[in-house]
Amino acid sequence: GRRLVYVETKPYASWNGYLSERRYYE
């Protein structure tokens, strides 16, 4: 029941170089 709040957004690169975004919550 505890809340994970938004921390940051970072670029994410797959093993073959495809770029996307990941949002991080803590």
mmCIF file of all heavy atoms, coordinates in Angstrom:
data_MODEL
# 
_entry.id   MODEL 
# 
loop_
_atom_site.group_PDB 
_atom_site.id 
_atom_site.type_symbol 
_atom_site.label_atom_id 
_atom_site.label_alt_id 
_atom_site.label_comp_id 
_atom_site.label_asym_id 
_atom_site.label_entity_id 
_atom_site.label_seq_id 
_atom_site.pdbx_PDB_ins_code 
_atom_site.Cartn_x 
_atom_site.Cartn_y 
_atom_site.Cartn_z 
_atom_site.occupancy 
_atom_site.B_iso_or_equiv 
_atom_site.pdbx_formal_charge 
_atom_site.auth_seq_id 
_atom_site.auth_comp_id 
_atom_site.auth_asym_id 
_atom_site.auth_atom_id 
_atom_site.pdbx_PDB_model_num 
ATOM 1   N N   . GLY A 1 1  ? 0.800  -1.230 0.000   1.00 0.00 ? 1  GLY A N   1 
ATOM 2   C CA  . GLY A 1 1  ? 0.000  0.000  0.000   1.00 0.00 ? 1  GLY A CA  1 
ATOM 3   C C   . GLY A 1 1  ? 0.827  1.270  0.000   1.00 0.00 ? 1  GLY A C   1 
ATOM 4   O O   . GLY A 1 1  ? 0.279  2.375  0.094   1.00 0.00 ? 1  GLY A O   1 
ATOM 5   N N   . ARG A 1 2  ? 2.131  1.140  -0.138  1.00 0.00 ? 2  ARG A N   1 
ATOM 6   C CA  . ARG A 1 2  ? 2.998  2.322  -0.187  1.00 0.00 ? 2  ARG A CA  1 
ATOM 7   C C   . ARG A 1 2  ? 3.129  2.817  -1.623  1.00 0.00 ? 2  ARG A C   1 
ATOM 8   O O   . ARG A 1 2  ? 3.003  2.045  -2.564  1.00 0.00 ? 2  ARG A O   1 
ATOM 9   C CB  . ARG A 1 2  ? 4.362  1.999  0.409   1.00 0.00 ? 2  ARG A CB  1 
ATOM 10  C CG  . ARG A 1 2  ? 4.237  1.490  1.841   1.00 0.00 ? 2  ARG A CG  1 
ATOM 11  C CD  . ARG A 1 2  ? 5.545  1.394  2.560   1.00 0.00 ? 2  ARG A CD  1 
ATOM 12  N NE  . ARG A 1 2  ? 5.355  0.841  3.895   1.00 0.00 ? 2  ARG A NE  1 
ATOM 13  C CZ  . ARG A 1 2  ? 6.258  0.908  4.863   1.00 0.00 ? 2  ARG A CZ  1 
ATOM 14  N NH1 . ARG A 1 2  ? 7.411  1.503  4.647   1.00 0.00 ? 2  ARG A NH1 1 
ATOM 15  N NH2 . ARG A 1 2  ? 6.011  0.376  6.046   1.00 0.00 ? 2  ARG A NH2 1 
ATOM 16  N N   . ARG A 1 3  ? 3.398  4.099  -1.750  1.00 0.00 ? 3  ARG A N   1 
ATOM 17  C CA  . ARG A 1 3  ? 3.394  4.724  -3.077  1.00 0.00 ? 3  ARG A CA  1 
ATOM 18  C C   . ARG A 1 3  ? 4.808  4.897  -3.628  1.00 0.00 ? 3  ARG A C   1 
ATOM 19  O O   . ARG A 1 3  ? 5.726  5.278  -2.904  1.00 0.00 ? 3  ARG A O   1 
ATOM 20  C CB  . ARG A 1 3  ? 2.679  6.069  -3.024  1.00 0.00 ? 3  ARG A CB  1 
ATOM 21  C CG  . ARG A 1 3  ? 1.186  5.889  -2.807  1.00 0.00 ? 3  ARG A CG  1 
ATOM 22  C CD  . ARG A 1 3  ? 0.408  7.174  -2.849  1.00 0.00 ? 3  ARG A CD  1 
ATOM 23  N NE  . ARG A 1 3  ? -1.027 6.839  -2.881  1.00 0.00 ? 3  ARG A NE  1 
ATOM 24  C CZ  . ARG A 1 3  ? -1.758 6.824  -3.980  1.00 0.00 ? 3  ARG A CZ  1 
ATOM 25  N NH1 . ARG A 1 3  ? -1.206 7.124  -5.143  1.00 0.00 ? 3  ARG A NH1 1 
ATOM 26  N NH2 . ARG A 1 3  ? -3.037 6.508  -3.945  1.00 0.00 ? 3  ARG A NH2 1 
ATOM 27  N N   . LEU A 1 4  ? 4.922  4.585  -4.931  1.00 0.00 ? 4  LEU A N   1 
ATOM 28  C CA  . LEU A 1 4  ? 6.180  4.810  -5.640  1.00 0.00 ? 4  LEU A CA  1 
ATOM 29  C C   . LEU A 1 4  ? 5.982  6.054  -6.499  1.00 0.00 ? 4  LEU A C   1 
ATOM 30  O O   . LEU A 1 4  ? 5.110  6.083  -7.375  1.00 0.00 ? 4  LEU A O   1 
ATOM 31  C CB  . LEU A 1 4  ? 6.544  3.614  -6.523  1.00 0.00 ? 4  LEU A CB  1 
ATOM 32  C CG  . LEU A 1 4  ? 7.058  2.368  -5.795  1.00 0.00 ? 4  LEU A CG  1 
ATOM 33  C CD1 . LEU A 1 4  ? 5.910  1.547  -5.226  1.00 0.00 ? 4  LEU A CD1 1 
ATOM 34  C CD2 . LEU A 1 4  ? 7.905  1.520  -6.730  1.00 0.00 ? 4  LEU A CD2 1 
ATOM 35  N N   . VAL A 1 5  ? 6.766  7.097  -6.217  1.00 0.00 ? 5  VAL A N   1 
ATOM 36  C CA  . VAL A 1 5  ? 6.589  8.387  -6.893  1.00 0.00 ? 5  VAL A CA  1 
ATOM 37  C C   . VAL A 1 5  ? 7.568  8.516  -8.055  1.00 0.00 ? 5  VAL A C   1 
ATOM 38  O O   . VAL A 1 5  ? 8.635  7.896  -8.065  1.00 0.00 ? 5  VAL A O   1 
ATOM 39  C CB  . VAL A 1 5  ? 6.781  9.565  -5.911  1.00 0.00 ? 5  VAL A CB  1 
ATOM 40  C CG1 . VAL A 1 5  ? 5.723  9.514  -4.808  1.00 0.00 ? 5  VAL A CG1 1 
ATOM 41  C CG2 . VAL A 1 5  ? 8.187  9.572  -5.307  1.00 0.00 ? 5  VAL A CG2 1 
ATOM 42  N N   . TYR A 1 6  ? 7.180  9.348  -9.030  1.00 0.00 ? 6  TYR A N   1 
ATOM 43  C CA  . TYR A 1 6  ? 8.028  9.567  -10.211 1.00 0.00 ? 6  TYR A CA  1 
ATOM 44  C C   . TYR A 1 6  ? 9.331  10.244 -9.802  1.00 0.00 ? 6  TYR A C   1 
ATOM 45  O O   . TYR A 1 6  ? 9.342  11.199 -9.029  1.00 0.00 ? 6  TYR A O   1 
ATOM 46  C CB  . TYR A 1 6  ? 7.284  10.431 -11.225 1.00 0.00 ? 6  TYR A CB  1 
ATOM 47  C CG  . TYR A 1 6  ? 8.148  10.891 -12.371 1.00 0.00 ? 6  TYR A CG  1 
ATOM 48  C CD1 . TYR A 1 6  ? 8.536  10.009 -13.373 1.00 0.00 ? 6  TYR A CD1 1 
ATOM 49  C CD2 . TYR A 1 6  ? 8.597  12.212 -12.430 1.00 0.00 ? 6  TYR A CD2 1 
ATOM 50  C CE1 . TYR A 1 6  ? 9.345  10.431 -14.419 1.00 0.00 ? 6  TYR A CE1 1 
ATOM 51  C CE2 . TYR A 1 6  ? 9.403  12.637 -13.478 1.00 0.00 ? 6  TYR A CE2 1 
ATOM 52  C CZ  . TYR A 1 6  ? 9.778  11.743 -14.466 1.00 0.00 ? 6  TYR A CZ  1 
ATOM 53  O OH  . TYR A 1 6  ? 10.576 12.159 -15.497 1.00 0.00 ? 6  TYR A OH  1 
ATOM 54  N N   . VAL A 1 7  ? 10.453 9.734  -10.346 1.00 0.00 ? 7  VAL A N   1 
ATOM 55  C CA  . VAL A 1 7  ? 11.772 10.285 -10.036 1.00 0.00 ? 7  VAL A CA  1 
ATOM 56  C C   . VAL A 1 7  ? 12.389 10.961 -11.259 1.00 0.00 ? 7  VAL A C   1 
ATOM 57  O O   . VAL A 1 7  ? 12.775 12.119 -11.216 1.00 0.00 ? 7  VAL A O   1 
ATOM 58  C CB  . VAL A 1 7  ? 12.730 9.167  -9.524  1.00 0.00 ? 7  VAL A CB  1 
ATOM 59  C CG1 . VAL A 1 7  ? 14.118 9.726  -9.260  1.00 0.00 ? 7  VAL A CG1 1 
ATOM 60  C CG2 . VAL A 1 7  ? 12.172 8.514  -8.273  1.00 0.00 ? 7  VAL A CG2 1 
ATOM 61  N N   . GLU A 1 8  ? 12.446 10.221 -12.384 1.00 0.00 ? 8  GLU A N   1 
ATOM 62  C CA  . GLU A 1 8  ? 13.103 10.768 -13.573 1.00 0.00 ? 8  GLU A CA  1 
ATOM 63  C C   . GLU A 1 8  ? 12.763 9.934  -14.806 1.00 0.00 ? 8  GLU A C   1 
ATOM 64  O O   . GLU A 1 8  ? 12.238 8.831  -14.704 1.00 0.00 ? 8  GLU A O   1 
ATOM 65  C CB  . GLU A 1 8  ? 14.622 10.780 -13.376 1.00 0.00 ? 8  GLU A CB  1 
ATOM 66  C CG  . GLU A 1 8  ? 15.211 9.390  -13.153 1.00 0.00 ? 8  GLU A CG  1 
ATOM 67  C CD  . GLU A 1 8  ? 16.697 9.392  -12.860 1.00 0.00 ? 8  GLU A CD  1 
ATOM 68  O OE1 . GLU A 1 8  ? 17.378 10.370 -13.224 1.00 0.00 ? 8  GLU A OE1 1 
ATOM 69  O OE2 . GLU A 1 8  ? 17.179 8.405  -12.270 1.00 0.00 ? 8  GLU A OE2 1 
ATOM 70  N N   . THR A 1 9  ? 13.059 10.517 -15.963 1.00 0.00 ? 9  THR A N   1 
ATOM 71  C CA  . THR A 1 9  ? 12.943 9.798  -17.234 1.00 0.00 ? 9  THR A CA  1 
ATOM 72  C C   . THR A 1 9  ? 14.327 9.734  -17.859 1.00 0.00 ? 9  THR A C   1 
ATOM 73  O O   . THR A 1 9  ? 15.038 10.736 -17.918 1.00 0.00 ? 9  THR A O   1 
ATOM 74  C CB  . THR A 1 9  ? 11.975 10.531 -18.191 1.00 0.00 ? 9  THR A CB  1 
ATOM 75  O OG1 . THR A 1 9  ? 10.698 10.614 -17.576 1.00 0.00 ? 9  THR A OG1 1 
ATOM 76  C CG2 . THR A 1 9  ? 11.859 9.794  -19.522 1.00 0.00 ? 9  THR A CG2 1 
ATOM 77  N N   . LYS A 1 10 ? 14.700 8.535  -18.313 1.00 0.00 ? 10 LYS A N   1 
ATOM 78  C CA  . LYS A 1 10 ? 16.032 8.353  -18.905 1.00 0.00 ? 10 LYS A CA  1 
ATOM 79  C C   . LYS A 1 10 ? 15.906 7.674  -20.259 1.00 0.00 ? 10 LYS A C   1 
ATOM 80  O O   . LYS A 1 10 ? 14.997 6.858  -20.462 1.00 0.00 ? 10 LYS A O   1 
ATOM 81  C CB  . LYS A 1 10 ? 16.899 7.461  -18.006 1.00 0.00 ? 10 LYS A CB  1 
ATOM 82  C CG  . LYS A 1 10 ? 17.473 8.138  -16.788 1.00 0.00 ? 10 LYS A CG  1 
ATOM 83  C CD  . LYS A 1 10 ? 18.384 7.133  -16.073 1.00 0.00 ? 10 LYS A CD  1 
ATOM 84  C CE  . LYS A 1 10 ? 19.051 7.747  -14.866 1.00 0.00 ? 10 LYS A CE  1 
ATOM 85  N NZ  . LYS A 1 10 ? 19.930 6.769  -14.190 1.00 0.00 ? 10 LYS A NZ  1 
ATOM 86  N N   . PRO A 1 11 ? 16.826 7.983  -21.184 1.00 0.00 ? 11 PRO A N   1 
ATOM 87  C CA  . PRO A 1 11 ? 16.848 7.229  -22.452 1.00 0.00 ? 11 PRO A CA  1 
ATOM 88  C C   . PRO A 1 11 ? 17.296 5.797  -22.177 1.00 0.00 ? 11 PRO A C   1 
ATOM 89  O O   . PRO A 1 11 ? 18.090 5.554  -21.268 1.00 0.00 ? 11 PRO A O   1 
ATOM 90  C CB  . PRO A 1 11 ? 17.871 7.988  -23.303 1.00 0.00 ? 11 PRO A CB  1 
ATOM 91  C CG  . PRO A 1 11 ? 18.707 8.743  -22.344 1.00 0.00 ? 11 PRO A CG  1 
ATOM 92  C CD  . PRO A 1 11 ? 17.860 9.011  -21.134 1.00 0.00 ? 11 PRO A CD  1 
ATOM 93  N N   . TYR A 1 12 ? 16.767 4.873  -22.968 1.00 0.00 ? 12 TYR A N   1 
ATOM 94  C CA  . TYR A 1 12 ? 17.103 3.458  -22.803 1.00 0.00 ? 12 TYR A CA  1 
ATOM 95  C C   . TYR A 1 12 ? 17.514 2.910  -24.160 1.00 0.00 ? 12 TYR A C   1 
ATOM 96  O O   . TYR A 1 12 ? 16.786 3.064  -25.148 1.00 0.00 ? 12 TYR A O   1 
ATOM 97  C CB  . TYR A 1 12 ? 15.895 2.695  -22.258 1.00 0.00 ? 12 TYR A CB  1 
ATOM 98  C CG  . TYR A 1 12 ? 16.112 1.202  -22.149 1.00 0.00 ? 12 TYR A CG  1 
ATOM 99  C CD1 . TYR A 1 12 ? 16.731 0.653  -21.044 1.00 0.00 ? 12 TYR A CD1 1 
ATOM 100 C CD2 . TYR A 1 12 ? 15.683 0.343  -23.162 1.00 0.00 ? 12 TYR A CD2 1 
ATOM 101 C CE1 . TYR A 1 12 ? 16.926 -0.725 -20.937 1.00 0.00 ? 12 TYR A CE1 1 
ATOM 102 C CE2 . TYR A 1 12 ? 15.875 -1.026 -23.073 1.00 0.00 ? 12 TYR A CE2 1 
ATOM 103 C CZ  . TYR A 1 12 ? 16.493 -1.552 -21.958 1.00 0.00 ? 12 TYR A CZ  1 
ATOM 104 O OH  . TYR A 1 12 ? 16.696 -2.906 -21.871 1.00 0.00 ? 12 TYR A OH  1 
ATOM 105 N N   . ALA A 1 13 ? 18.675 2.292  -24.225 1.00 0.00 ? 13 ALA A N   1 
ATOM 106 C CA  . ALA A 1 13 ? 19.176 1.713  -25.480 1.00 0.00 ? 13 ALA A CA  1 
ATOM 107 C C   . ALA A 1 13 ? 19.179 0.198  -25.369 1.00 0.00 ? 13 ALA A C   1 
ATOM 108 O O   . ALA A 1 13 ? 19.708 -0.361 -24.407 1.00 0.00 ? 13 ALA A O   1 
ATOM 109 C CB  . ALA A 1 13 ? 20.573 2.225  -25.784 1.00 0.00 ? 13 ALA A CB  1 
ATOM 110 N N   . SER A 1 14 ? 18.565 -0.474 -26.349 1.00 0.00 ? 14 SER A N   1 
ATOM 111 C CA  . SER A 1 14 ? 18.581 -1.937 -26.362 1.00 0.00 ? 14 SER A CA  1 
ATOM 112 C C   . SER A 1 14 ? 19.951 -2.417 -26.828 1.00 0.00 ? 14 SER A C   1 
ATOM 113 O O   . SER A 1 14 ? 20.800 -1.620 -27.240 1.00 0.00 ? 14 SER A O   1 
ATOM 114 C CB  . SER A 1 14 ? 17.486 -2.468 -27.290 1.00 0.00 ? 14 SER A CB  1 
ATOM 115 O OG  . SER A 1 14 ? 17.767 -2.118 -28.629 1.00 0.00 ? 14 SER A OG  1 
ATOM 116 N N   . TRP A 1 15 ? 20.165 -3.727 -26.814 1.00 0.00 ? 15 TRP A N   1 
ATOM 117 C CA  . TRP A 1 15 ? 21.471 -4.287 -27.195 1.00 0.00 ? 15 TRP A CA  1 
ATOM 118 C C   . TRP A 1 15 ? 21.864 -3.947 -28.623 1.00 0.00 ? 15 TRP A C   1 
ATOM 119 O O   . TRP A 1 15 ? 23.038 -3.877 -28.960 1.00 0.00 ? 15 TRP A O   1 
ATOM 120 C CB  . TRP A 1 15 ? 21.459 -5.808 -27.003 1.00 0.00 ? 15 TRP A CB  1 
ATOM 121 C CG  . TRP A 1 15 ? 20.463 -6.510 -27.897 1.00 0.00 ? 15 TRP A CG  1 
ATOM 122 C CD1 . TRP A 1 15 ? 19.167 -6.782 -27.610 1.00 0.00 ? 15 TRP A CD1 1 
ATOM 123 C CD2 . TRP A 1 15 ? 20.697 -7.000 -29.228 1.00 0.00 ? 15 TRP A CD2 1 
ATOM 124 N NE1 . TRP A 1 15 ? 18.554 -7.423 -28.676 1.00 0.00 ? 15 TRP A NE1 1 
ATOM 125 C CE2 . TRP A 1 15 ? 19.474 -7.564 -29.682 1.00 0.00 ? 15 TRP A CE2 1 
ATOM 126 C CE3 . TRP A 1 15 ? 21.798 -7.032 -30.072 1.00 0.00 ? 15 TRP A CE3 1 
ATOM 127 C CZ2 . TRP A 1 15 ? 19.343 -8.128 -30.946 1.00 0.00 ? 15 TRP A CZ2 1 
ATOM 128 C CZ3 . TRP A 1 15 ? 21.664 -7.613 -31.333 1.00 0.00 ? 15 TRP A CZ3 1 
ATOM 129 C CH2 . TRP A 1 15 ? 20.442 -8.148 -31.740 1.00 0.00 ? 15 TRP A CH2 1 
ATOM 130 N N   . ASN A 1 16 ? 20.860 -3.681 -29.486 1.00 0.00 ? 16 ASN A N   1 
ATOM 131 C CA  . ASN A 1 16 ? 21.194 -3.357 -30.888 1.00 0.00 ? 16 ASN A CA  1 
ATOM 132 C C   . ASN A 1 16 ? 21.100 -1.863 -31.179 1.00 0.00 ? 16 ASN A C   1 
ATOM 133 O O   . ASN A 1 16 ? 21.114 -1.451 -32.324 1.00 0.00 ? 16 ASN A O   1 
ATOM 134 C CB  . ASN A 1 16 ? 20.297 -4.147 -31.854 1.00 0.00 ? 16 ASN A CB  1 
ATOM 135 C CG  . ASN A 1 16 ? 18.845 -3.767 -31.725 1.00 0.00 ? 16 ASN A CG  1 
ATOM 136 O OD1 . ASN A 1 16 ? 18.450 -3.158 -30.741 1.00 0.00 ? 16 ASN A OD1 1 
ATOM 137 N ND2 . ASN A 1 16 ? 18.040 -4.112 -32.707 1.00 0.00 ? 16 ASN A ND2 1 
ATOM 138 N N   . GLY A 1 17 ? 20.991 -1.043 -30.117 1.00 0.00 ? 17 GLY A N   1 
ATOM 139 C CA  . GLY A 1 17 ? 21.042 0.407  -30.302 1.00 0.00 ? 17 GLY A CA  1 
ATOM 140 C C   . GLY A 1 17 ? 19.704 1.104  -30.459 1.00 0.00 ? 17 GLY A C   1 
ATOM 141 O O   . GLY A 1 17 ? 19.666 2.315  -30.661 1.00 0.00 ? 17 GLY A O   1 
ATOM 142 N N   . TYR A 1 18 ? 18.592 0.371  -30.367 1.00 0.00 ? 18 TYR A N   1 
ATOM 143 C CA  . TYR A 1 18 ? 17.267 1.007  -30.481 1.00 0.00 ? 18 TYR A CA  1 
ATOM 144 C C   . TYR A 1 18 ? 17.019 1.869  -29.248 1.00 0.00 ? 18 TYR A C   1 
ATOM 145 O O   . TYR A 1 18 ? 17.148 1.418  -28.119 1.00 0.00 ? 18 TYR A O   1 
ATOM 146 C CB  . TYR A 1 18 ? 16.177 -0.055 -30.605 1.00 0.00 ? 18 TYR A CB  1 
ATOM 147 C CG  . TYR A 1 18 ? 14.776 0.505  -30.609 1.00 0.00 ? 18 TYR A CG  1 
ATOM 148 C CD1 . TYR A 1 18 ? 14.252 1.097  -31.764 1.00 0.00 ? 18 TYR A CD1 1 
ATOM 149 C CD2 . TYR A 1 18 ? 13.984 0.464  -29.460 1.00 0.00 ? 18 TYR A CD2 1 
ATOM 150 C CE1 . TYR A 1 18 ? 12.967 1.607  -31.770 1.00 0.00 ? 18 TYR A CE1 1 
ATOM 151 C CE2 . TYR A 1 18 ? 12.700 0.976  -29.468 1.00 0.00 ? 18 TYR A CE2 1 
ATOM 152 C CZ  . TYR A 1 18 ? 12.194 1.553  -30.621 1.00 0.00 ? 18 TYR A CZ  1 
ATOM 153 O OH  . TYR A 1 18 ? 10.926 2.076  -30.632 1.00 0.00 ? 18 TYR A OH  1 
ATOM 154 N N   . LEU A 1 19 ? 16.652 3.143  -29.466 1.00 0.00 ? 19 LEU A N   1 
ATOM 155 C CA  . LEU A 1 19 ? 16.473 4.078  -28.368 1.00 0.00 ? 19 LEU A CA  1 
ATOM 156 C C   . LEU A 1 19 ? 15.003 4.257  -28.004 1.00 0.00 ? 19 LEU A C   1 
ATOM 157 O O   . LEU A 1 19 ? 14.147 4.413  -28.883 1.00 0.00 ? 19 LEU A O   1 
ATOM 158 C CB  . LEU A 1 19 ? 17.061 5.449  -28.730 1.00 0.00 ? 19 LEU A CB  1 
ATOM 159 C CG  . LEU A 1 19 ? 18.596 5.548  -28.710 1.00 0.00 ? 19 LEU A CG  1 
ATOM 160 C CD1 . LEU A 1 19 ? 19.040 6.896  -29.262 1.00 0.00 ? 19 LEU A CD1 1 
ATOM 161 C CD2 . LEU A 1 19 ? 19.139 5.373  -27.299 1.00 0.00 ? 19 LEU A CD2 1 
ATOM 162 N N   . SER A 1 20 ? 14.722 4.210  -26.718 1.00 0.00 ? 20 SER A N   1 
ATOM 163 C CA  . SER A 1 20 ? 13.379 4.478  -26.210 1.00 0.00 ? 20 SER A CA  1 
ATOM 164 C C   . SER A 1 20 ? 13.530 5.187  -24.861 1.00 0.00 ? 20 SER A C   1 
ATOM 165 O O   . SER A 1 20 ? 14.634 5.591  -24.494 1.00 0.00 ? 20 SER A O   1 
ATOM 166 C CB  . SER A 1 20 ? 12.587 3.176  -26.067 1.00 0.00 ? 20 SER A CB  1 
ATOM 167 O OG  . SER A 1 20 ? 13.259 2.284  -25.203 1.00 0.00 ? 20 SER A OG  1 
ATOM 168 N N   . GLU A 1 21 ? 12.423 5.336  -24.147 1.00 0.00 ? 21 GLU A N   1 
ATOM 169 C CA  . GLU A 1 21 ? 12.478 6.019  -22.855 1.00 0.00 ? 21 GLU A CA  1 
ATOM 170 C C   . GLU A 1 21 ? 11.953 5.126  -21.743 1.00 0.00 ? 21 GLU A C   1 
ATOM 171 O O   . GLU A 1 21 ? 11.059 4.315  -21.958 1.00 0.00 ? 21 GLU A O   1 
ATOM 172 C CB  . GLU A 1 21 ? 11.627 7.302  -22.880 1.00 0.00 ? 21 GLU A CB  1 
ATOM 173 C CG  . GLU A 1 21 ? 12.287 8.461  -23.562 1.00 0.00 ? 21 GLU A CG  1 
ATOM 174 C CD  . GLU A 1 21 ? 11.498 9.757  -23.399 1.00 0.00 ? 21 GLU A CD  1 
ATOM 175 O OE1 . GLU A 1 21 ? 10.313 9.697  -22.995 1.00 0.00 ? 21 GLU A OE1 1 
ATOM 176 O OE2 . GLU A 1 21 ? 12.053 10.825 -23.687 1.00 0.00 ? 21 GLU A OE2 1 
ATOM 177 N N   . ARG A 1 22 ? 12.515 5.274  -20.561 1.00 0.00 ? 22 ARG A N   1 
ATOM 178 C CA  . ARG A 1 22 ? 12.026 4.579  -19.378 1.00 0.00 ? 22 ARG A CA  1 
ATOM 179 C C   . ARG A 1 22 ? 11.763 5.620  -18.282 1.00 0.00 ? 22 ARG A C   1 
ATOM 180 O O   . ARG A 1 22 ? 12.587 6.491  -18.040 1.00 0.00 ? 22 ARG A O   1 
ATOM 181 C CB  . ARG A 1 22 ? 13.049 3.553  -18.872 1.00 0.00 ? 22 ARG A CB  1 
ATOM 182 C CG  . ARG A 1 22 ? 13.289 2.392  -19.809 1.00 0.00 ? 22 ARG A CG  1 
ATOM 183 C CD  . ARG A 1 22 ? 12.107 1.440  -19.840 1.00 0.00 ? 22 ARG A CD  1 
ATOM 184 N NE  . ARG A 1 22 ? 12.368 0.260  -20.627 1.00 0.00 ? 22 ARG A NE  1 
ATOM 185 C CZ  . ARG A 1 22 ? 12.158 0.159  -21.921 1.00 0.00 ? 22 ARG A CZ  1 
ATOM 186 N NH1 . ARG A 1 22 ? 11.698 1.201  -22.594 1.00 0.00 ? 22 ARG A NH1 1 
ATOM 187 N NH2 . ARG A 1 22 ? 12.396 -0.971 -22.561 1.00 0.00 ? 22 ARG A NH2 1 
ATOM 188 N N   . ARG A 1 23 ? 10.611 5.487  -17.635 1.00 0.00 ? 23 ARG A N   1 
ATOM 189 C CA  . ARG A 1 23 ? 10.274 6.339  -16.496 1.00 0.00 ? 23 ARG A CA  1 
ATOM 190 C C   . ARG A 1 23 ? 10.586 5.575  -15.207 1.00 0.00 ? 23 ARG A C   1 
ATOM 191 O O   . ARG A 1 23 ? 10.245 4.400  -15.089 1.00 0.00 ? 23 ARG A O   1 
ATOM 192 C CB  . ARG A 1 23 ? 8.800  6.746  -16.538 1.00 0.00 ? 23 ARG A CB  1 
ATOM 193 C CG  . ARG A 1 23 ? 8.474  7.711  -17.658 1.00 0.00 ? 23 ARG A CG  1 
ATOM 194 C CD  . ARG A 1 23 ? 6.971  7.971  -17.758 1.00 0.00 ? 23 ARG A CD  1 
ATOM 195 N NE  . ARG A 1 23 ? 6.422  8.643  -16.596 1.00 0.00 ? 23 ARG A NE  1 
ATOM 196 C CZ  . ARG A 1 23 ? 6.428  9.959  -16.411 1.00 0.00 ? 23 ARG A CZ  1 
ATOM 197 N NH1 . ARG A 1 23 ? 6.973  10.754 -17.328 1.00 0.00 ? 23 ARG A NH1 1 
ATOM 198 N NH2 . ARG A 1 23 ? 5.884  10.496 -15.333 1.00 0.00 ? 23 ARG A NH2 1 
ATOM 199 N N   . TYR A 1 24 ? 11.232 6.242  -14.261 1.00 0.00 ? 24 TYR A N   1 
ATOM 200 C CA  . TYR A 1 24 ? 11.653 5.610  -13.016 1.00 0.00 ? 24 TYR A CA  1 
ATOM 201 C C   . TYR A 1 24 ? 10.799 6.109  -11.852 1.00 0.00 ? 24 TYR A C   1 
ATOM 202 O O   . TYR A 1 24 ? 10.543 7.308  -11.729 1.00 0.00 ? 24 TYR A O   1 
ATOM 203 C CB  . TYR A 1 24 ? 13.130 5.892  -12.743 1.00 0.00 ? 24 TYR A CB  1 
ATOM 204 C CG  . TYR A 1 24 ? 14.054 5.167  -13.690 1.00 0.00 ? 24 TYR A CG  1 
ATOM 205 C CD1 . TYR A 1 24 ? 14.307 5.659  -14.967 1.00 0.00 ? 24 TYR A CD1 1 
ATOM 206 C CD2 . TYR A 1 24 ? 14.660 3.972  -13.317 1.00 0.00 ? 24 TYR A CD2 1 
ATOM 207 C CE1 . TYR A 1 24 ? 15.137 4.980  -15.853 1.00 0.00 ? 24 TYR A CE1 1 
ATOM 208 C CE2 . TYR A 1 24 ? 15.493 3.289  -14.189 1.00 0.00 ? 24 TYR A CE2 1 
ATOM 209 C CZ  . TYR A 1 24 ? 15.727 3.801  -15.453 1.00 0.00 ? 24 TYR A CZ  1 
ATOM 210 O OH  . TYR A 1 24 ? 16.548 3.124  -16.328 1.00 0.00 ? 24 TYR A OH  1 
ATOM 211 N N   . TYR A 1 25 ? 10.365 5.145  -11.028 1.00 0.00 ? 25 TYR A N   1 
ATOM 212 C CA  . TYR A 1 25 ? 9.559  5.442  -9.846  1.00 0.00 ? 25 TYR A CA  1 
ATOM 213 C C   . TYR A 1 25 ? 10.220 4.797  -8.633  1.00 0.00 ? 25 TYR A C   1 
ATOM 214 O O   . TYR A 1 25 ? 10.762 3.695  -8.731  1.00 0.00 ? 25 TYR A O   1 
ATOM 215 C CB  . TYR A 1 25 ? 8.141  4.896  -10.014 1.00 0.00 ? 25 TYR A CB  1 
ATOM 216 C CG  . TYR A 1 25 ? 7.357  5.571  -11.119 1.00 0.00 ? 25 TYR A CG  1 
ATOM 217 C CD1 . TYR A 1 25 ? 7.552  5.218  -12.453 1.00 0.00 ? 25 TYR A CD1 1 
ATOM 218 C CD2 . TYR A 1 25 ? 6.436  6.567  -10.825 1.00 0.00 ? 25 TYR A CD2 1 
ATOM 219 C CE1 . TYR A 1 25 ? 6.853  5.839  -13.468 1.00 0.00 ? 25 TYR A CE1 1 
ATOM 220 C CE2 . TYR A 1 25 ? 5.712  7.194  -11.844 1.00 0.00 ? 25 TYR A CE2 1 
ATOM 221 C CZ  . TYR A 1 25 ? 5.929  6.825  -13.165 1.00 0.00 ? 25 TYR A CZ  1 
ATOM 222 O OH  . TYR A 1 25 ? 5.229  7.459  -14.171 1.00 0.00 ? 25 TYR A OH  1 
ATOM 223 N N   . GLU A 1 26 ? 10.158 5.490  -7.504  1.00 0.00 ? 26 GLU A N   1 
ATOM 224 C CA  . GLU A 1 26 ? 10.788 4.974  -6.289  1.00 0.00 ? 26 GLU A CA  1 
ATOM 225 C C   . GLU A 1 26 ? 9.836  5.122  -5.101  1.00 0.00 ? 26 GLU A C   1 
ATOM 226 O O   . GLU A 1 26 ? 9.139  6.128  -4.964  1.00 0.00 ? 26 GLU A O   1 
ATOM 227 C CB  . GLU A 1 26 ? 12.087 5.732  -6.004  1.00 0.00 ? 26 GLU A CB  1 
ATOM 228 C CG  . GLU A 1 26 ? 12.888 5.136  -4.865  1.00 0.00 ? 26 GLU A CG  1 
ATOM 229 C CD  . GLU A 1 26 ? 14.240 5.811  -4.696  1.00 0.00 ? 26 GLU A CD  1 
ATOM 230 O OE1 . GLU A 1 26 ? 14.924 6.065  -5.723  1.00 0.00 ? 26 GLU A OE1 1 
ATOM 231 O OE2 . GLU A 1 26 ? 14.607 6.077  -3.537  1.00 0.00 ? 26 GLU A OE2 1 
# 
